[in-house]
C-alpha atoms as a PDB file:
ATOM      1  CA  MET A   1      86.936   8.417 -17.314  1.00  0.00           C
ATOM      2  CA  THR A   2      84.987  11.537 -18.277  1.00  0.00           C
ATOM      3  CA  LEU A   3      82.759   9.300 -20.710  1.00  0.00           C
ATOM      4  CA  LEU A   4      82.026   6.810 -17.855  1.00  0.00           C
ATOM      5  CA  ARG A   5      80.964   9.467 -15.541  1.00  0.00           C
ATOM      6  CA  THR A   6      78.794  10.990 -18.058  1.00  0.00           C
ATOM      7  CA  ALA A   7      77.089   7.598 -18.806  1.00  0.00           C
ATOM      8  CA  CYS A   8      76.486   7.146 -15.041  1.00  0.00           C
ATOM      9  CA  LEU A   9      74.906  10.770 -14.556  1.00  0.00           C
ATOM     10  CA  GLY A  10      72.590  10.517 -17.589  1.00  0.00           C
ATOM     11  CA  PRO A  11      69.910   8.145 -16.020  1.00  0.00           C
ATOM     12  CA  MET A  12      70.154  10.276 -12.652  1.00  0.00           C
ATOM     13  CA  ILE A  13      69.463  13.575 -14.681  1.00  0.00           C
ATOM     14  CA  LEU A  14      66.531  11.984 -16.585  1.00  0.00           C
ATOM     15  CA  ALA A  15      65.030  10.770 -13.219  1.00  0.00           C
ATOM     16  CA  ALA A  16      65.215  14.228 -11.660  1.00  0.00           C
ATOM     17  CA  VAL A  17      63.583  15.831 -14.840  1.00  0.00           C
ATOM     18  CA  LEU A  18      60.731  13.413 -14.687  1.00  0.00           C
ATOM     19  CA  ALA A  19      60.286  13.936 -11.026  1.00  0.00           C
ATOM     20  CA  SER A  20      60.029  17.678 -11.489  1.00  0.00           C
ATOM     21  CA  SER A  21      57.380  17.468 -14.420  1.00  0.00           C
ATOM     22  CA  PRO A  22      53.744  17.367 -13.573  1.00  0.00           C
ATOM     23  CA  VAL A  23      52.369  13.747 -14.394  1.00  0.00           C
ATOM     24  CA  LYS A  24      48.823  13.692 -15.634  1.00  0.00           C
ATOM     25  CA  ALA A  25      46.810  10.946 -14.347  1.00  0.00           C
ATOM     26  CA  ALA A  26      44.875   8.691 -16.888  1.00  0.00           C
ATOM     27  CA  PRO A  27      41.297   9.668 -17.107  1.00  0.00           C
ATOM     28  CA  GLN A  28      39.000   7.340 -15.316  1.00  0.00           C
ATOM     29  CA  ALA A  29      35.582   6.385 -16.440  1.00  0.00           C
ATOM     30  CA  PRO A  30      32.796   7.950 -14.332  1.00  0.00           C
ATOM     31  CA  ALA A  31      31.345   5.985 -11.611  1.00  0.00           C
ATOM     32  CA  PRO A  32      27.940   4.411 -12.478  1.00  0.00           C
ATOM     33  CA  GLU A  33      25.042   6.493 -11.146  1.00  0.00           C
ATOM     34  CA  VAL A  34      22.945   4.646  -8.540  1.00  0.00           C
ATOM     35  CA  SER A  35      19.213   5.354  -9.165  1.00  0.00           C
ATOM     36  CA  ALA A  36      17.017   5.547  -6.186  1.00  0.00           C
ATOM     37  CA  SER A  37      13.963   3.416  -6.264  1.00  0.00           C
ATOM     38  CA  THR A  38      10.778   5.457  -7.322  1.00  0.00           C
ATOM     39  CA  THR A  39       8.407   3.236  -5.570  1.00  0.00           C
ATOM     40  CA  PRO A  40       8.574   4.015  -1.668  1.00  0.00           C
ATOM     41  CA  ARG A  41       7.918   1.367   0.826  1.00  0.00           C
ATOM     42  CA  LEU A  42       4.631   0.786   2.004  1.00  0.00           C
ATOM     43  CA  ASP A  43       3.645   2.746   5.276  1.00  0.00           C
ATOM     44  CA  LEU A  44       1.788  -0.256   6.806  1.00  0.00           C
ATOM     45  CA  ALA A  45       0.856   1.419  10.150  1.00  0.00           C
ATOM     46  CA  ALA A  46      -0.574   4.321   8.326  1.00  0.00           C
ATOM     47  CA  LEU A  47      -2.566   2.139   5.935  1.00  0.00           C
ATOM     48  CA  ILE A  48      -3.985  -0.140   8.705  1.00  0.00           C
ATOM     49  CA  GLU A  49      -4.938   2.918  10.839  1.00  0.00           C
ATOM     50  CA  CYS A  50      -6.630   4.798   7.797  1.00  0.00           C
ATOM     51  CA  ARG A  51      -4.167   7.471   7.528  1.00  0.00           C
ATOM     52  CA  GLN A  52      -3.699   7.032   3.952  1.00  0.00           C
ATOM     53  CA  ARG A  53      -5.921   7.613   0.744  1.00  0.00           C
ATOM     54  CA  VAL A  54      -7.039   5.079  -1.908  1.00  0.00           C
ATOM     55  CA  ALA A  55      -4.347   6.029  -4.257  1.00  0.00           C
ATOM     56  CA  ASP A  56      -1.827   5.093  -1.484  1.00  0.00           C
ATOM     57  CA  TYR A  57      -3.547   1.804  -1.139  1.00  0.00           C
ATOM     58  CA  ASP A  58      -3.471   0.968  -4.900  1.00  0.00           C
ATOM     59  CA  ALA A  59       0.199   0.130  -4.355  1.00  0.00           C
ATOM     60  CA  VAL A  60      -0.748  -2.812  -1.864  1.00  0.00           C
ATOM     61  CA  ALA A  61      -2.118  -4.864  -4.867  1.00  0.00           C
ATOM     62  CA  GLY A  62       0.993  -4.538  -6.720  1.00  0.00           C
ATOM     63  CA  VAL A  63       3.111  -5.564  -3.875  1.00  0.00           C
ATOM     64  CA  VAL A  64       1.278  -8.543  -2.502  1.00  0.00           C
ATOM     65  CA  ALA A  65       0.817  -9.904  -6.191  1.00  0.00           C
ATOM     66  CA  ASP A  66       4.566 -10.366  -6.399  1.00  0.00           C
ATOM     67  CA  PRO A  67       6.315 -12.371  -3.503  1.00  0.00           C
ATOM     68  CA  LEU A  68       9.552 -10.692  -4.208  1.00  0.00           C
ATOM     69  CA  LYS A  69       7.931  -7.088  -3.807  1.00  0.00           C
ATOM     70  CA  ALA A  70       6.192  -8.325  -0.817  1.00  0.00           C
ATOM     71  CA  VAL A  71       9.283  -9.471   0.958  1.00  0.00           C
ATOM     72  CA  ALA A  72      10.987  -6.063  -0.081  1.00  0.00           C
ATOM     73  CA  ASN A  73       8.348  -4.357   1.743  1.00  0.00           C
ATOM     74  CA  GLY A  74       8.693  -6.427   4.857  1.00  0.00           C
ATOM     75  CA  LEU A  75       5.861  -9.055   4.112  1.00  0.00           C
ATOM     76  CA  ALA A  76       6.618 -12.645   4.368  1.00  0.00           C
ATOM     77  CA  PRO A  77       3.525 -14.684   2.662  1.00  0.00           C
ATOM     78  CA  LEU A  78       2.159 -17.348   4.907  1.00  0.00           C
ATOM     79  CA  PRO A  79       0.036 -20.339   4.010  1.00  0.00           C
ATOM     80  CA  GLN A  80      -3.517 -19.202   3.425  1.00  0.00           C
ATOM     81  CA  THR A  81      -5.840 -20.436   6.197  1.00  0.00           C
ATOM     82  CA  ASN A  82      -8.769 -18.311   5.142  1.00  0.00           C
ATOM     83  CA  GLN A  83      -9.927 -18.451   1.609  1.00  0.00           C
ATOM     84  CA  PHE A  84     -10.926 -14.706   1.658  1.00  0.00           C
ATOM     85  CA  MET A  85      -7.683 -13.403   3.144  1.00  0.00           C
ATOM     86  CA  SER A  86      -3.939 -13.411   2.249  1.00  0.00           C
ATOM     87  CA  GLU A  87      -1.777 -13.441   5.406  1.00  0.00           C
ATOM     88  CA  TYR A  88       1.595 -12.198   5.874  1.00  0.00           C
ATOM     89  CA  ARG A  89       4.131 -12.124   8.675  1.00  0.00           C
ATOM     90  CA  LEU A  90       5.979  -8.674   9.226  1.00  0.00           C
ATOM     91  CA  ALA A  91       9.757  -8.693   9.095  1.00  0.00           C
ATOM     92  CA  SER A  92       9.820  -6.076  11.730  1.00  0.00           C
ATOM     93  CA  PRO A  93       6.856  -5.715  14.183  1.00  0.00           C
ATOM     94  CA  ILE A  94       4.802  -2.378  13.872  1.00  0.00           C
ATOM     95  CA  THR A  95       2.649  -0.792  16.410  1.00  0.00           C
ATOM     96  CA  VAL A  96      -1.000   0.176  15.472  1.00  0.00           C
ATOM     97  CA  PHE A  97      -3.840   1.110  17.726  1.00  0.00           C
ATOM     98  CA  GLY A  98      -1.385   0.854  20.478  1.00  0.00           C
ATOM     99  CA  GLN A  99      -0.810  -2.805  19.956  1.00  0.00           C
ATOM    100  CA  ARG A 100       2.377  -4.661  18.735  1.00  0.00           C
ATOM    101  CA  VAL A 101       1.549  -6.422  15.567  1.00  0.00           C
ATOM    102  CA  GLU A 102       3.687  -9.016  13.733  1.00  0.00           C
ATOM    103  CA  TYR A 103       0.893 -10.368  11.315  1.00  0.00           C
ATOM    104  CA  LEU A 104      -1.668  -8.865   8.841  1.00  0.00           C
ATOM    105  CA  THR A 105      -4.007  -9.742   6.157  1.00  0.00           C
ATOM    106  CA  VAL A 106      -4.808  -8.224   2.943  1.00  0.00           C
ATOM    107  CA  SER A 107      -8.396  -8.883   1.296  1.00  0.00           C
ATOM    108  CA  GLY A 108      -9.458  -6.987  -1.619  1.00  0.00           C
ATOM    109  CA  PRO A 109      -9.648  -3.242  -0.603  1.00  0.00           C
ATOM    110  CA  SER A 110      -8.951  -4.075   3.113  1.00  0.00           C
ATOM    111  CA  ILE A 111      -5.754  -4.360   5.071  1.00  0.00           C
ATOM    112  CA  MET A 112      -6.044  -5.470   8.591  1.00  0.00           C
ATOM    113  CA  ALA A 113      -3.644  -6.118  11.582  1.00  0.00           C
ATOM    114  CA  ILE A 114      -4.135  -9.390  13.448  1.00  0.00           C
ATOM    115  CA  LEU A 115      -4.124  -8.311  17.046  1.00  0.00           C
ATOM    116  CA  ASP A 116      -3.458 -10.730  20.071  1.00  0.00           C
ATOM    117  CA  VAL A 117      -6.817  -9.360  21.638  1.00  0.00           C
ATOM    118  CA  ALA A 118      -9.557 -11.877  22.591  1.00  0.00           C
ATOM    119  CA  ASP A 119     -12.261  -9.533  23.128  1.00  0.00           C
ATOM    120  CA  PRO A 120     -12.714  -6.887  20.358  1.00  0.00           C
ATOM    121  CA  ARG A 121     -15.405  -4.650  22.068  1.00  0.00           C
ATOM    122  CA  PRO A 122     -12.988  -2.455  24.261  1.00  0.00           C
ATOM    123  CA  LEU A 123     -10.947  -1.646  21.062  1.00  0.00           C
ATOM    124  CA  ALA A 124     -14.086  -0.951  18.953  1.00  0.00           C
ATOM    125  CA  LYS A 125     -15.296   1.298  21.782  1.00  0.00           C
ATOM    126  CA  ALA A 126     -11.889   3.211  21.842  1.00  0.00           C
ATOM    127  CA  LEU A 127     -12.049   3.944  18.333  1.00  0.00           C
ATOM    128  CA  ALA A 128     -15.729   5.027  18.490  1.00  0.00           C
ATOM    129  CA  LEU A 129     -17.055   2.352  16.154  1.00  0.00           C
ATOM    130  CA  GLU A 130     -20.674   1.461  15.486  1.00  0.00           C
ATOM    131  CA  ASP A 131     -21.650  -2.269  16.224  1.00  0.00           C
ATOM    132  CA  GLY A 132     -22.747  -4.015  13.090  1.00  0.00           C
ATOM    133  CA  VAL A 133     -22.668  -7.617  14.469  1.00  0.00           C
ATOM    134  CA  ASP A 134     -22.394  -8.823  17.943  1.00  0.00           C
ATOM    135  CA  ASN A 135     -22.943 -12.538  18.922  1.00  0.00           C
ATOM    136  CA  PRO A 136     -20.928 -15.356  20.196  1.00  0.00           C
ATOM    137  CA  ASP A 137     -19.664 -16.419  16.749  1.00  0.00           C
ATOM    138  CA  LYS A 138     -19.130 -13.062  15.183  1.00  0.00           C
ATOM    139  CA  PHE A 139     -18.242  -9.383  16.102  1.00  0.00           C
ATOM    140  CA  MET A 140     -18.078  -6.583  13.545  1.00  0.00           C
ATOM    141  CA  ALA A 141     -17.975  -2.771  14.138  1.00  0.00           C
ATOM    142  CA  GLY A 142     -17.010   0.012  11.746  1.00  0.00           C
ATOM    143  CA  ARG A 143     -17.087   3.604  10.925  1.00  0.00           C
ATOM    144  CA  GLU A 144     -16.537   5.647   7.776  1.00  0.00           C
ATOM    145  CA  VAL A 145     -13.666   8.103   8.376  1.00  0.00           C
ATOM    146  CA  VAL A 146     -13.549   9.560   5.142  1.00  0.00           C
ATOM    147  CA  ALA A 147     -16.025  10.186   2.325  1.00  0.00           C
ATOM    148  CA  ARG A 148     -15.141  12.964  -0.151  1.00  0.00           C
ATOM    149  CA  ASP A 149     -16.024  13.640  -3.770  1.00  0.00           C
ATOM    150  CA  VAL A 150     -13.199  12.837  -6.166  1.00  0.00           C
ATOM    151  CA  THR A 151     -12.702  12.155  -9.910  1.00  0.00           C
ATOM    152  CA  ASP A 152     -11.490   8.670 -11.140  1.00  0.00           C
ATOM    153  CA  PRO A 153      -8.328   9.448 -12.922  1.00  0.00           C
ATOM    154  CA  ARG A 154      -8.856   6.681 -15.227  1.00  0.00           C
ATOM    155  CA  THR A 155     -12.201   7.431 -16.349  1.00  0.00           C
ATOM    156  CA  GLY A 156     -12.897  10.914 -15.456  1.00  0.00           C
ATOM    157  CA  GLU A 157     -16.088   9.902 -13.675  1.00  0.00           C
ATOM    158  CA  PRO A 158     -17.212  11.574 -10.360  1.00  0.00           C
ATOM    159  CA  MET A 159     -16.616   9.104  -7.496  1.00  0.00           C
ATOM    160  CA  ILE A 160     -16.872   9.080  -3.842  1.00  0.00           C
ATOM    161  CA  GLU A 161     -13.528   8.049  -1.999  1.00  0.00           C
ATOM    162  CA  SER A 162     -14.568   6.038   1.097  1.00  0.00           C
ATOM    163  CA  ILE A 163     -12.334   4.829   3.896  1.00  0.00           C
ATOM    164  CA  ILE A 164     -13.806   2.761   6.634  1.00  0.00           C
ATOM    165  CA  LEU A 165     -12.223   1.744   9.776  1.00  0.00           C
ATOM    166  CA  SER A 166     -13.245  -1.523  11.269  1.00  0.00           C
ATOM    167  CA  VAL A 167     -12.603  -4.172  13.941  1.00  0.00           C
ATOM    168  CA  SER A 168     -13.971  -7.884  13.619  1.00  0.00           C
ATOM    169  CA  THR A 169     -13.320 -11.460  14.534  1.00  0.00           C
ATOM    170  CA  VAL A 170     -13.221 -14.315  12.216  1.00  0.00           C
ATOM    171  CA  LYS A 171     -13.480 -18.028  12.866  1.00  0.00           C
ATOM    172  CA  THR A 172     -10.351 -19.118  11.278  1.00  0.00           C
ATOM    173  CA  HIS A 173      -8.403 -16.982  13.835  1.00  0.00           C
ATOM    174  CA  PRO A 174      -9.912 -17.765  17.379  1.00  0.00           C
ATOM    175  CA  GLY A 175      -8.694 -15.602  20.261  1.00  0.00           C
ATOM    176  CA  LYS A 176      -7.488 -12.874  17.570  1.00  0.00           C
ATOM    177  CA  THR A 177      -8.963  -9.582  16.567  1.00  0.00           C
ATOM    178  CA  LEU A 178      -8.697  -8.095  13.072  1.00  0.00           C
ATOM    179  CA  ALA A 179      -8.588  -4.094  13.075  1.00  0.00           C
ATOM    180  CA  GLY A 180      -7.860  -2.103  10.005  1.00  0.00           C
ATOM    181  CA  CYS A 181      -9.053  -0.072   7.130  1.00  0.00           C
ATOM    182  CA  THR A 182     -11.005  -0.436   3.816  1.00  0.00           C
ATOM    183  CA  TYR A 183     -10.271   1.949   0.901  1.00  0.00           C
ATOM    184  CA  SER A 184     -12.693   2.150  -1.961  1.00  0.00           C
ATOM    185  CA  LEU A 185     -14.016   4.341  -4.766  1.00  0.00           C
ATOM    186  CA  ASP A 186     -17.769   4.245  -4.933  1.00  0.00           C
ATOM    187  CA  LEU A 187     -20.266   5.631  -7.426  1.00  0.00           C
ATOM    188  CA  PRO A 188     -22.359   8.557  -6.136  1.00  0.00           C
ATOM    189  CA  ALA A 189     -25.863   7.889  -4.991  1.00  0.00           C
ATOM    190  CA  GLU A 190     -28.277   7.345  -7.657  1.00  0.00           C
ATOM    191  CA  ASP A 191     -30.286  10.493  -6.884  1.00  0.00           C
ATOM    192  CA  GLU A 192     -26.829  12.436  -7.131  1.00  0.00           C
ATOM    193  CA  GLN A 193     -25.914  11.171 -10.400  1.00  0.00           C
ATOM    194  CA  ALA A 194     -29.206  10.580 -12.270  1.00  0.00           C
ATOM    195  CA  PRO A 195     -29.564  12.823 -15.395  1.00  0.00           C
ATOM    196  CA  THR A 196     -32.419  15.305 -15.595  1.00  0.00           C
ATOM    197  CA  PRO A 197     -35.763  14.359 -17.404  1.00  0.00           C
ATOM    198  CA  ALA A 198     -34.882  16.684 -20.232  1.00  0.00           C
ATOM    199  CA  GLU A 199     -31.767  14.454 -20.827  1.00  0.00           C
ATOM    200  CA  THR A 200     -33.405  11.004 -20.509  1.00  0.00           C
ATOM    201  CA  PRO A 201     -36.823  10.089 -21.938  1.00  0.00           C
ATOM    202  CA  ALA A 202     -39.356   8.775 -19.373  1.00  0.00           C
ATOM    203  CA  ALA A 203     -39.617   5.166 -18.801  1.00  0.00           C
ATOM    204  CA  PRO A 204     -42.766   3.627 -20.193  1.00  0.00           C
ATOM    205  CA  THR A 205     -45.784   3.268 -17.750  1.00  0.00           C
ATOM    206  CA  GLY A 206     -45.418   0.308 -15.554  1.00  0.00           C
ATOM    207  CA  THR A 207     -41.673  -0.446 -16.084  1.00  0.00           C
ATOM    208  CA  LEU A 208     -38.717   0.694 -14.170  1.00  0.00           C
ATOM    209  CA  PRO A 209     -35.327   1.457 -15.696  1.00  0.00           C
ATOM    210  CA  PRO A 210     -32.831  -1.273 -14.761  1.00  0.00           C
ATOM    211  CA  SER A 211     -30.722  -0.350 -11.680  1.00  0.00           C
ATOM    212  CA  VAL A 212     -26.996  -0.438 -11.848  1.00  0.00           C
ATOM    213  CA  ASN A 213     -26.961  -2.850  -8.890  1.00  0.00           C
ATOM    214  CA  THR A 214     -29.593  -5.341 -10.364  1.00  0.00           C
ATOM    215  CA  PRO A 215     -28.860  -7.590 -13.350  1.00  0.00           C
ATOM    216  CA  VAL A 216     -31.210  -6.982 -16.281  1.00  0.00           C
ATOM    217  CA  ASP A 217     -32.541 -10.660 -16.186  1.00  0.00           C
ATOM    218  CA  GLN A 218     -33.610 -10.182 -12.439  1.00  0.00           C
ATOM    219  CA  ARG A 219     -35.623  -7.139 -12.836  1.00  0.00           C
END
């Protein structure tokens, strides 16, 4: 009887001892770190309204060159109706110049909103733009909002950062107005960057040194 009782109590005592002893949890592998993207989404409204800089606009080229990046930035590529412009539909409409925008175009250094505005003149006047072309087939007006001296980070050369706000029409989009911004780095005027006579020998009489804007064979 004593042996049977002892045999029955054995497992109960062992369970009590285990319950009163601290149990160390098995070590767990650390959760993988989630790295945030180092490339922020484009601020399309700020780019179109000339509230950014050339360095900010440089990111646009990389985005529109890759359809996946374009979509990630809310730009759905559309069939090209104008050979000089790439057109996109926005995943979420934005507001620029007080207008609701669903479509935009990118062409070289320019990003333009496509507005449902048939007459561009009131908008050009409100933005204090200077008329460049105004006839039944074409309207174009613009204004340089930024012109500052900078240094090209790739070459170290002095440059002029130019940001131009413009409004225009285009035949491929009748009844629409294109409004946006052009970002560029330009060479200083020749009289600002020309070396002094002591640095460069004078050209022979009767000839002119080649212009940076004129091919040598067309002098």
